[in-house]
Amino acid sequence: MNKLSLITTGLLTSALVACGGDSGGGSGTDIVISESLKGAESAPELTSVTSGSVSLNSRVTGFLVEDGSVDWTFSHSEDTDVLLVLNSDADDFDLSVSGNTVFESSEGATSFEVILFDAEAGLNYNLEVSSFWGDGNYQLDVTVPNRETVGLDTDEFLVVYEADVLGDCDGYVEDYEYRYFAIVNWADGYTLKEGEKNSFDQADGNTVVVKYSESASDGSASYKFSGQTTFTVNTETGSITGTDVWSDEYNDEDYSESCSYTETLTGQIVL
């Protein structure tokens, strides 16, 4: 995390005044996503694993201390898609996979993390669960792709996004790319990303708009954040294009920073 992210994480945790993060239902739309995009509904039978290696359709359970991490080795005899789903009651556990040309990480603000990756036959991949904040028990499911393991409701879809971000923080320009997963419900009109549920504010054809904002203050420190995501879905192929434009500002007696970002999105429904 960058300096601003660390500061605002602490501020929002101890904030005296805060708003944002829609927890209600969304605004329904007439957008109907093809049922063919859903993939397998049910989870396979899972085998419990306690050693340092894990195979397809396994469940790993354990306890992780704060700032700690644990590694597991995965391999499979054939090329396969692998779904990783981490669950924990801890404040913030993260998940990553690396090996060959694969490096994926899921570092949301909660301990529910999802990764879907392509594993090549016979190659080893390192799976890591790490604690960003807090300690507790965890469960890591390593399965074939399916909706039940992700916990998707009837009208929810799992989407993978490739994001190209151009940012400007007080004249310092940065351009970077990253990949993340989100859950979208077009029928009820909401998105779920990093533990935050945001309702659709507008729908026009297959294009939707999601507006979001958050602010907090604690003594002399203040933070505000707002943005708008606009994306269009192809209901038959599941491809998505769009933009996410946002800004944030932090101020206190000793430090201030103002940033603006434009994110170009390319997505695909995967479950």
C-alpha atoms as a PDB file:
ATOM      1  CA  MET A   1       0.000   0.000   0.000  1.00  0.00           C
ATOM      2  CA  ASN A   2       1.116   3.568  -0.579  1.00  0.00           C
ATOM      3  CA  LYS A   3       1.394   6.178   2.161  1.00  0.00           C
ATOM      4  CA  LEU A   4      -2.058   7.634   1.536  1.00  0.00           C
ATOM      5  CA  SER A   5      -3.678   4.207   1.651  1.00  0.00           C
ATOM      6  CA  LEU A   6      -2.091   3.405   5.013  1.00  0.00           C
ATOM      7  CA  ILE A   7      -3.104   6.743   6.480  1.00  0.00           C
ATOM      8  CA  THR A   8      -6.686   6.564   5.283  1.00  0.00           C
ATOM      9  CA  THR A   9      -7.094   2.932   6.374  1.00  0.00           C
ATOM     10  CA  GLY A  10      -6.351   3.995   9.931  1.00  0.00           C
ATOM     11  CA  LEU A  11      -8.486   7.107   9.657  1.00  0.00           C
ATOM     12  CA  LEU A  12     -11.543   5.303   8.322  1.00  0.00           C
ATOM     13  CA  THR A  13     -11.219   2.659  11.025  1.00  0.00           C
ATOM     14  CA  SER A  14     -11.252   5.204  13.843  1.00  0.00           C
ATOM     15  CA  ALA A  15     -13.403   7.821  12.096  1.00  0.00           C
ATOM     16  CA  LEU A  16     -15.789   9.879  14.182  1.00  0.00           C
ATOM     17  CA  VAL A  17     -17.812  10.794  11.104  1.00  0.00           C
ATOM     18  CA  ALA A  18     -18.080   8.609   7.997  1.00  0.00           C
ATOM     19  CA  CYS A  19     -20.405   7.921   5.102  1.00  0.00           C
ATOM     20  CA  GLY A  20     -20.446   5.750   1.985  1.00  0.00           C
ATOM     21  CA  GLY A  21     -20.509   2.043   1.150  1.00  0.00           C
ATOM     22  CA  ASP A  22     -24.070   1.291   0.104  1.00  0.00           C
ATOM     23  CA  SER A  23     -25.244  -1.796   1.984  1.00  0.00           C
ATOM     24  CA  GLY A  24     -28.779  -1.830   0.609  1.00  0.00           C
ATOM     25  CA  GLY A  25     -30.245  -3.463  -2.471  1.00  0.00           C
ATOM     26  CA  GLY A  26     -29.691  -2.132  -5.935  1.00  0.00           C
ATOM     27  CA  SER A  27     -31.985  -0.628  -8.519  1.00  0.00           C
ATOM     28  CA  GLY A  28     -33.346  -3.387 -10.788  1.00  0.00           C
ATOM     29  CA  THR A  29     -32.787  -3.273 -14.547  1.00  0.00           C
ATOM     30  CA  ASP A  30     -34.095  -4.995 -17.667  1.00  0.00           C
ATOM     31  CA  ILE A  31     -30.625  -6.414 -18.429  1.00  0.00           C
ATOM     32  CA  VAL A  32     -30.793 -10.208 -18.738  1.00  0.00           C
ATOM     33  CA  ILE A  33     -27.490 -12.085 -18.797  1.00  0.00           C
ATOM     34  CA  SER A  34     -27.362 -15.348 -20.760  1.00  0.00           C
ATOM     35  CA  GLU A  35     -27.671 -18.406 -18.522  1.00  0.00           C
ATOM     36  CA  SER A  36     -24.935 -20.066 -20.589  1.00  0.00           C
ATOM     37  CA  LEU A  37     -22.353 -17.803 -18.892  1.00  0.00           C
ATOM     38  CA  LYS A  38     -22.969 -19.164 -15.420  1.00  0.00           C
ATOM     39  CA  GLY A  39     -20.750 -22.231 -15.494  1.00  0.00           C
ATOM     40  CA  ALA A  40     -21.070 -25.126 -13.040  1.00  0.00           C
ATOM     41  CA  GLU A  41     -23.496 -24.496 -10.171  1.00  0.00           C
ATOM     42  CA  SER A  42     -22.422 -27.016  -7.526  1.00  0.00           C
ATOM     43  CA  ALA A  43     -19.147 -27.439  -5.697  1.00  0.00           C
ATOM     44  CA  PRO A  44     -17.321 -30.769  -6.020  1.00  0.00           C
ATOM     45  CA  GLU A  45     -16.639 -33.001  -3.040  1.00  0.00           C
ATOM     46  CA  LEU A  46     -13.544 -31.668  -1.299  1.00  0.00           C
ATOM     47  CA  THR A  47     -10.673 -33.491   0.386  1.00  0.00           C
ATOM     48  CA  SER A  48      -9.205 -32.008   3.583  1.00  0.00           C
ATOM     49  CA  VAL A  49      -5.480 -31.257   3.360  1.00  0.00           C
ATOM     50  CA  THR A  50      -3.046 -30.811   6.243  1.00  0.00           C
ATOM     51  CA  SER A  51       0.357 -31.176   4.523  1.00  0.00           C
ATOM     52  CA  GLY A  52       2.350 -28.644   2.518  1.00  0.00           C
ATOM     53  CA  SER A  53       0.919 -29.639  -0.863  1.00  0.00           C
ATOM     54  CA  VAL A  54      -2.623 -29.389  -2.149  1.00  0.00           C
ATOM     55  CA  SER A  55      -4.403 -30.988  -5.085  1.00  0.00           C
ATOM     56  CA  LEU A  56      -7.450 -29.984  -7.109  1.00  0.00           C
ATOM     57  CA  ASN A  57     -10.755 -30.128  -5.199  1.00  0.00           C
ATOM     58  CA  SER A  58      -9.182 -29.783  -1.764  1.00  0.00           C
ATOM     59  CA  ARG A  59      -9.895 -27.700   1.325  1.00  0.00           C
ATOM     60  CA  VAL A  60      -7.134 -26.268   3.491  1.00  0.00           C
ATOM     61  CA  THR A  61      -7.913 -25.040   7.005  1.00  0.00           C
ATOM     62  CA  GLY A  62      -5.642 -23.475   9.572  1.00  0.00           C
ATOM     63  CA  PHE A  63      -4.894 -20.572  11.894  1.00  0.00           C
ATOM     64  CA  LEU A  64      -2.827 -17.523  10.939  1.00  0.00           C
ATOM     65  CA  VAL A  65      -1.275 -15.001  13.324  1.00  0.00           C
ATOM     66  CA  GLU A  66      -1.253 -11.279  12.559  1.00  0.00           C
ATOM     67  CA  ASP A  67       1.409 -10.349   9.958  1.00  0.00           C
ATOM     68  CA  GLY A  68       1.980 -14.054   9.347  1.00  0.00           C
ATOM     69  CA  SER A  69       1.729 -16.108   6.154  1.00  0.00           C
ATOM     70  CA  VAL A  70       1.444 -19.736   5.103  1.00  0.00           C
ATOM     71  CA  ASP A  71       2.376 -21.359   1.773  1.00  0.00           C
ATOM     72  CA  TRP A  72       1.038 -24.381  -0.080  1.00  0.00           C
ATOM     73  CA  THR A  73       2.248 -26.048  -3.294  1.00  0.00           C
ATOM     74  CA  PHE A  74      -0.294 -26.943  -5.992  1.00  0.00           C
ATOM     75  CA  SER A  75       0.158 -29.039  -9.137  1.00  0.00           C
ATOM     76  CA  HIS A  76      -2.107 -31.029 -11.447  1.00  0.00           C
ATOM     77  CA  SER A  77      -1.485 -33.707 -14.068  1.00  0.00           C
ATOM     78  CA  GLU A  78      -3.487 -31.905 -16.774  1.00  0.00           C
ATOM     79  CA  ASP A  79      -4.032 -28.317 -17.903  1.00  0.00           C
ATOM     80  CA  THR A  80      -6.930 -26.983 -15.843  1.00  0.00           C
ATOM     81  CA  ASP A  81      -8.687 -23.869 -14.586  1.00  0.00           C
ATOM     82  CA  VAL A  82      -8.353 -23.523 -10.816  1.00  0.00           C
ATOM     83  CA  LEU A  83     -10.650 -21.555  -8.513  1.00  0.00           C
ATOM     84  CA  LEU A  84      -9.214 -20.355  -5.191  1.00  0.00           C
ATOM     85  CA  VAL A  85     -11.614 -19.004  -2.558  1.00  0.00           C
ATOM     86  CA  LEU A  86     -10.384 -17.804   0.841  1.00  0.00           C
ATOM     87  CA  ASN A  87     -12.746 -17.290   3.774  1.00  0.00           C
ATOM     88  CA  SER A  88     -11.940 -16.106   7.297  1.00  0.00           C
ATOM     89  CA  ASP A  89     -13.462 -14.114  10.152  1.00  0.00           C
ATOM     90  CA  ALA A  90     -10.153 -12.245  10.520  1.00  0.00           C
ATOM     91  CA  ASP A  91     -10.080  -8.527   9.714  1.00  0.00           C
ATOM     92  CA  ASP A  92      -8.049  -8.733   6.495  1.00  0.00           C
ATOM     93  CA  PHE A  93      -6.362 -11.820   5.072  1.00  0.00           C
ATOM     94  CA  ASP A  94      -5.001 -11.806   1.508  1.00  0.00           C
ATOM     95  CA  LEU A  95      -4.439 -14.500  -1.110  1.00  0.00           C
ATOM     96  CA  SER A  96      -1.917 -14.949  -3.915  1.00  0.00           C
ATOM     97  CA  VAL A  97      -0.740 -17.573  -6.409  1.00  0.00           C
ATOM     98  CA  SER A  98       2.572 -17.624  -8.294  1.00  0.00           C
ATOM     99  CA  GLY A  99       4.420 -19.981 -10.605  1.00  0.00           C
ATOM    100  CA  ASN A 100       5.420 -20.285 -14.262  1.00  0.00           C
ATOM    101  CA  THR A 101       3.931 -17.135 -15.893  1.00  0.00           C
ATOM    102  CA  VAL A 102       1.197 -16.782 -13.259  1.00  0.00           C
ATOM    103  CA  PHE A 103       1.200 -14.166 -10.543  1.00  0.00           C
ATOM    104  CA  GLU A 104      -2.226 -13.292  -9.190  1.00  0.00           C
ATOM    105  CA  SER A 105      -3.102 -11.618  -5.923  1.00  0.00           C
ATOM    106  CA  SER A 106      -6.371 -10.752  -4.205  1.00  0.00           C
ATOM    107  CA  GLU A 107      -5.908  -8.076  -1.556  1.00  0.00           C
ATOM    108  CA  GLY A 108      -9.368  -6.765  -0.746  1.00  0.00           C
ATOM    109  CA  ALA A 109     -10.378  -5.006   2.454  1.00  0.00           C
ATOM    110  CA  THR A 110     -11.933  -8.181   3.893  1.00  0.00           C
ATOM    111  CA  SER A 111     -10.855 -11.807   4.275  1.00  0.00           C
ATOM    112  CA  PHE A 112     -13.036 -13.092   1.432  1.00  0.00           C
ATOM    113  CA  GLU A 113     -10.697 -13.391  -1.554  1.00  0.00           C
ATOM    114  CA  VAL A 114     -11.174 -15.018  -4.981  1.00  0.00           C
ATOM    115  CA  ILE A 115      -8.656 -15.970  -7.683  1.00  0.00           C
ATOM    116  CA  LEU A 116      -9.233 -17.943 -10.909  1.00  0.00           C
ATOM    117  CA  PHE A 117      -6.130 -19.013 -12.838  1.00  0.00           C
ATOM    118  CA  ASP A 118      -4.959 -21.396 -15.583  1.00  0.00           C
ATOM    119  CA  ALA A 119      -2.627 -24.142 -14.315  1.00  0.00           C
ATOM    120  CA  GLU A 120      -0.387 -25.965 -16.781  1.00  0.00           C
ATOM    121  CA  ALA A 121       0.055 -29.718 -16.456  1.00  0.00           C
ATOM    122  CA  GLY A 122       2.857 -30.855 -14.150  1.00  0.00           C
ATOM    123  CA  LEU A 123       3.973 -27.394 -13.031  1.00  0.00           C
ATOM    124  CA  ASN A 124       4.153 -26.258  -9.419  1.00  0.00           C
ATOM    125  CA  TYR A 125       2.288 -23.189  -8.176  1.00  0.00           C
ATOM    126  CA  ASN A 126       2.751 -21.519  -4.817  1.00  0.00           C
ATOM    127  CA  LEU A 127      -0.438 -20.566  -2.956  1.00  0.00           C
ATOM    128  CA  GLU A 128      -0.045 -18.063  -0.127  1.00  0.00           C
ATOM    129  CA  VAL A 129      -2.451 -16.877   2.553  1.00  0.00           C
ATOM    130  CA  SER A 130      -1.158 -13.826   4.421  1.00  0.00           C
ATOM    131  CA  SER A 131      -2.427 -11.565   7.183  1.00  0.00           C
ATOM    132  CA  PHE A 132      -2.540  -7.856   6.425  1.00  0.00           C
ATOM    133  CA  TRP A 133      -4.497  -7.174   9.592  1.00  0.00           C
ATOM    134  CA  GLY A 134      -5.654  -9.467  12.387  1.00  0.00           C
ATOM    135  CA  ASP A 135      -5.425 -13.158  13.144  1.00  0.00           C
ATOM    136  CA  GLY A 136      -7.819 -16.092  13.040  1.00  0.00           C
ATOM    137  CA  ASN A 137      -8.887 -19.321  11.430  1.00  0.00           C
ATOM    138  CA  TYR A 138      -9.062 -19.532   7.639  1.00  0.00           C
ATOM    139  CA  GLN A 139     -10.451 -21.850   4.962  1.00  0.00           C
ATOM    140  CA  LEU A 140      -8.974 -22.072   1.468  1.00  0.00           C
ATOM    141  CA  ASP A 141     -10.887 -24.048  -1.167  1.00  0.00           C
ATOM    142  CA  VAL A 142      -8.904 -25.170  -4.247  1.00  0.00           C
ATOM    143  CA  THR A 143     -11.471 -26.387  -6.787  1.00  0.00           C
ATOM    144  CA  VAL A 144     -12.658 -26.548 -10.347  1.00  0.00           C
ATOM    145  CA  PRO A 145     -14.592 -23.342 -11.195  1.00  0.00           C
ATOM    146  CA  ASN A 146     -18.121 -23.362  -9.745  1.00  0.00           C
ATOM    147  CA  ARG A 147     -20.653 -20.856  -8.448  1.00  0.00           C
ATOM    148  CA  GLU A 148     -21.361 -22.494  -5.082  1.00  0.00           C
ATOM    149  CA  THR A 149     -17.788 -22.118  -3.791  1.00  0.00           C
ATOM    150  CA  VAL A 150     -17.851 -18.379  -4.595  1.00  0.00           C
ATOM    151  CA  GLY A 151     -21.267 -18.115  -2.910  1.00  0.00           C
ATOM    152  CA  LEU A 152     -23.032 -16.597  -5.908  1.00  0.00           C
ATOM    153  CA  ASP A 153     -26.789 -16.013  -5.686  1.00  0.00           C
ATOM    154  CA  THR A 154     -29.046 -16.851  -8.644  1.00  0.00           C
ATOM    155  CA  ASP A 155     -28.575 -13.519 -10.458  1.00  0.00           C
ATOM    156  CA  GLU A 156     -24.990 -12.821  -9.378  1.00  0.00           C
ATOM    157  CA  PHE A 157     -22.054 -13.260 -11.767  1.00  0.00           C
ATOM    158  CA  LEU A 158     -18.328 -13.371 -11.089  1.00  0.00           C
ATOM    159  CA  VAL A 159     -16.434 -10.926 -13.317  1.00  0.00           C
ATOM    160  CA  VAL A 160     -12.685 -10.590 -13.880  1.00  0.00           C
ATOM    161  CA  TYR A 161     -11.477  -7.094 -14.797  1.00  0.00           C
ATOM    162  CA  GLU A 162      -8.237  -5.968 -16.405  1.00  0.00           C
ATOM    163  CA  ALA A 163      -7.669  -2.357 -15.388  1.00  0.00           C
ATOM    164  CA  ASP A 164      -5.304   0.234 -16.893  1.00  0.00           C
ATOM    165  CA  VAL A 165      -4.990   3.176 -14.500  1.00  0.00           C
ATOM    166  CA  LEU A 166      -3.648   6.679 -15.112  1.00  0.00           C
ATOM    167  CA  GLY A 167      -3.265   8.678 -11.905  1.00  0.00           C
ATOM    168  CA  ASP A 168      -2.100  12.136 -10.894  1.00  0.00           C
ATOM    169  CA  CYS A 169      -1.234  12.905  -7.265  1.00  0.00           C
ATOM    170  CA  ASP A 170      -0.265  16.555  -6.884  1.00  0.00           C
ATOM    171  CA  GLY A 171       1.617  16.481 -10.191  1.00  0.00           C
ATOM    172  CA  TYR A 172       3.141  13.018  -9.771  1.00  0.00           C
ATOM    173  CA  VAL A 173       1.797  10.936 -12.687  1.00  0.00           C
ATOM    174  CA  GLU A 174       1.636   7.145 -12.563  1.00  0.00           C
ATOM    175  CA  ASP A 175       0.366   4.564 -15.041  1.00  0.00           C
ATOM    176  CA  TYR A 176      -0.164   0.980 -13.935  1.00  0.00           C
ATOM    177  CA  GLU A 177      -2.214  -2.128 -14.642  1.00  0.00           C
ATOM    178  CA  TYR A 178      -3.843  -4.660 -12.351  1.00  0.00           C
ATOM    179  CA  ARG A 179      -6.426  -7.454 -12.352  1.00  0.00           C
ATOM    180  CA  TYR A 180      -9.280  -8.013  -9.941  1.00  0.00           C
ATOM    181  CA  PHE A 181     -12.526  -9.929  -9.451  1.00  0.00           C
ATOM    182  CA  ALA A 182     -15.945  -8.490  -8.616  1.00  0.00           C
ATOM    183  CA  ILE A 183     -19.492  -9.824  -8.266  1.00  0.00           C
ATOM    184  CA  VAL A 184     -22.190  -8.103 -10.334  1.00  0.00           C
ATOM    185  CA  ASN A 185     -25.957  -8.549 -10.178  1.00  0.00           C
ATOM    186  CA  TRP A 186     -27.509  -6.887 -13.232  1.00  0.00           C
ATOM    187  CA  ALA A 187     -31.065  -8.004 -12.368  1.00  0.00           C
ATOM    188  CA  ASP A 188     -31.101  -6.408  -8.890  1.00  0.00           C
ATOM    189  CA  GLY A 189     -28.599  -3.699  -9.821  1.00  0.00           C
ATOM    190  CA  TYR A 190     -25.472  -3.824  -7.661  1.00  0.00           C
ATOM    191  CA  THR A 191     -21.771  -4.640  -7.581  1.00  0.00           C
ATOM    192  CA  LEU A 192     -19.719  -6.249  -4.814  1.00  0.00           C
ATOM    193  CA  LYS A 193     -16.010  -5.432  -4.691  1.00  0.00           C
ATOM    194  CA  GLU A 194     -13.600  -5.704  -1.766  1.00  0.00           C
ATOM    195  CA  GLY A 195     -16.436  -6.057   0.713  1.00  0.00           C
ATOM    196  CA  GLU A 196     -18.308  -2.981  -0.539  1.00  0.00           C
ATOM    197  CA  LYS A 197     -21.769  -3.198  -2.082  1.00  0.00           C
ATOM    198  CA  ASN A 198     -22.701  -0.361  -4.432  1.00  0.00           C
ATOM    199  CA  SER A 199     -26.036  -0.001  -6.203  1.00  0.00           C
ATOM    200  CA  PHE A 200     -26.505   0.966  -9.829  1.00  0.00           C
ATOM    201  CA  ASP A 201     -27.467   4.643 -10.077  1.00  0.00           C
ATOM    202  CA  GLN A 202     -28.488   4.549 -13.717  1.00  0.00           C
ATOM    203  CA  ALA A 203     -29.111   2.021 -16.502  1.00  0.00           C
ATOM    204  CA  ASP A 204     -29.433   2.802 -20.212  1.00  0.00           C
ATOM    205  CA  GLY A 205     -29.684  -0.258 -22.424  1.00  0.00           C
ATOM    206  CA  ASN A 206     -26.818  -2.529 -21.382  1.00  0.00           C
ATOM    207  CA  THR A 207     -24.800   0.349 -19.882  1.00  0.00           C
ATOM    208  CA  VAL A 208     -24.920   1.035 -16.146  1.00  0.00           C
ATOM    209  CA  VAL A 209     -23.522   3.770 -13.901  1.00  0.00           C
ATOM    210  CA  VAL A 210     -22.385   3.251 -10.301  1.00  0.00           C
ATOM    211  CA  LYS A 211     -21.552   6.299  -8.185  1.00  0.00           C
ATOM    212  CA  TYR A 212     -19.751   6.003  -4.868  1.00  0.00           C
ATOM    213  CA  SER A 213     -18.329   8.226  -2.163  1.00  0.00           C
ATOM    214  CA  GLU A 214     -16.808   8.062   1.287  1.00  0.00           C
ATOM    215  CA  SER A 215     -15.624  10.627   3.791  1.00  0.00           C
ATOM    216  CA  ALA A 216     -14.204  10.602   7.278  1.00  0.00           C
ATOM    217  CA  SER A 217     -12.807  13.001   9.858  1.00  0.00           C
ATOM    218  CA  ASP A 218     -10.964  12.545  13.129  1.00  0.00           C
ATOM    219  CA  GLY A 219      -9.731  15.665  14.885  1.00  0.00           C
ATOM    220  CA  SER A 220      -7.619  17.682  12.450  1.00  0.00           C
ATOM    221  CA  ALA A 221      -7.473  14.849   9.892  1.00  0.00           C
ATOM    222  CA  SER A 222      -9.989  14.481   7.072  1.00  0.00           C
ATOM    223  CA  TYR A 223     -10.429  12.254   4.053  1.00  0.00           C
ATOM    224  CA  LYS A 224     -12.852  12.253   1.144  1.00  0.00           C
ATOM    225  CA  PHE A 225     -13.206   9.961  -1.807  1.00  0.00           C
ATOM    226  CA  SER A 226     -15.687   9.823  -4.687  1.00  0.00           C
ATOM    227  CA  GLY A 227     -16.000   8.356  -8.145  1.00  0.00           C
ATOM    228  CA  GLN A 228     -18.133   6.879 -10.882  1.00  0.00           C
ATOM    229  CA  THR A 229     -17.930   3.560 -12.717  1.00  0.00           C
ATOM    230  CA  THR A 230     -19.599   3.222 -16.122  1.00  0.00           C
ATOM    231  CA  PHE A 231     -19.635  -0.151 -17.873  1.00  0.00           C
ATOM    232  CA  THR A 232     -21.397  -1.911 -20.736  1.00  0.00           C
ATOM    233  CA  VAL A 233     -22.012  -5.661 -20.872  1.00  0.00           C
ATOM    234  CA  ASN A 234     -22.582  -7.930 -23.841  1.00  0.00           C
ATOM    235  CA  THR A 235     -25.329 -10.150 -22.450  1.00  0.00           C
ATOM    236  CA  GLU A 236     -24.496 -13.094 -24.752  1.00  0.00           C
ATOM    237  CA  THR A 237     -20.688 -13.200 -24.631  1.00  0.00           C
ATOM    238  CA  GLY A 238     -20.204 -11.709 -21.156  1.00  0.00           C
ATOM    239  CA  SER A 239     -17.573  -9.200 -22.307  1.00  0.00           C
ATOM    240  CA  ILE A 240     -17.504  -5.846 -20.490  1.00  0.00           C
ATOM    241  CA  THR A 241     -15.957  -2.476 -21.286  1.00  0.00           C
ATOM    242  CA  GLY A 242     -15.991   0.673 -19.225  1.00  0.00           C
ATOM    243  CA  THR A 243     -14.244   3.297 -17.138  1.00  0.00           C
ATOM    244  CA  ASP A 244     -13.818   4.081 -13.459  1.00  0.00           C
ATOM    245  CA  VAL A 245     -13.010   7.710 -12.651  1.00  0.00           C
ATOM    246  CA  TRP A 246     -12.361   8.782  -9.072  1.00  0.00           C
ATOM    247  CA  SER A 247     -10.536  11.233  -6.828  1.00  0.00           C
ATOM    248  CA  ASP A 248      -9.431  11.301  -3.214  1.00  0.00           C
ATOM    249  CA  GLU A 249      -8.047  13.899  -0.863  1.00  0.00           C
ATOM    250  CA  TYR A 250      -6.357  13.661   2.537  1.00  0.00           C
ATOM    251  CA  ASN A 251      -5.492  16.553   4.843  1.00  0.00           C
ATOM    252  CA  ASP A 252      -4.108  16.975   8.350  1.00  0.00           C
ATOM    253  CA  GLU A 253      -1.726  19.359  10.119  1.00  0.00           C
ATOM    254  CA  ASP A 254       1.419  17.695   8.741  1.00  0.00           C
ATOM    255  CA  TYR A 255       0.482  16.083   5.443  1.00  0.00           C
ATOM    256  CA  SER A 256      -1.884  16.512   2.527  1.00  0.00           C
ATOM    257  CA  GLU A 257      -2.392  14.816  -0.799  1.00  0.00           C
ATOM    258  CA  SER A 258      -4.905  15.163  -3.626  1.00  0.00           C
ATOM    259  CA  CYS A 259      -5.194  12.529  -6.378  1.00  0.00           C
ATOM    260  CA  SER A 260      -7.323  11.859  -9.440  1.00  0.00           C
ATOM    261  CA  TYR A 261      -7.528   8.639 -11.445  1.00  0.00           C
ATOM    262  CA  THR A 262      -8.957   7.349 -14.706  1.00  0.00           C
ATOM    263  CA  GLU A 263      -9.220   3.578 -15.007  1.00  0.00           C
ATOM    264  CA  THR A 264      -9.975   1.861 -18.331  1.00  0.00           C
ATOM    265  CA  LEU A 265     -11.753  -1.455 -17.757  1.00  0.00           C
ATOM    266  CA  THR A 266     -11.959  -4.626 -19.827  1.00  0.00           C
ATOM    267  CA  GLY A 267     -13.916  -7.415 -18.191  1.00  0.00           C
ATOM    268  CA  GLN A 268     -15.340 -10.877 -18.708  1.00  0.00           C
ATOM    269  CA  ILE A 269     -18.000 -12.867 -16.882  1.00  0.00           C
ATOM    270  CA  VAL A 270     -16.317 -16.103 -15.775  1.00  0.00           C
ATOM    271  CA  LEU A 271     -19.047 -17.687 -13.605  1.00  0.00           C
END
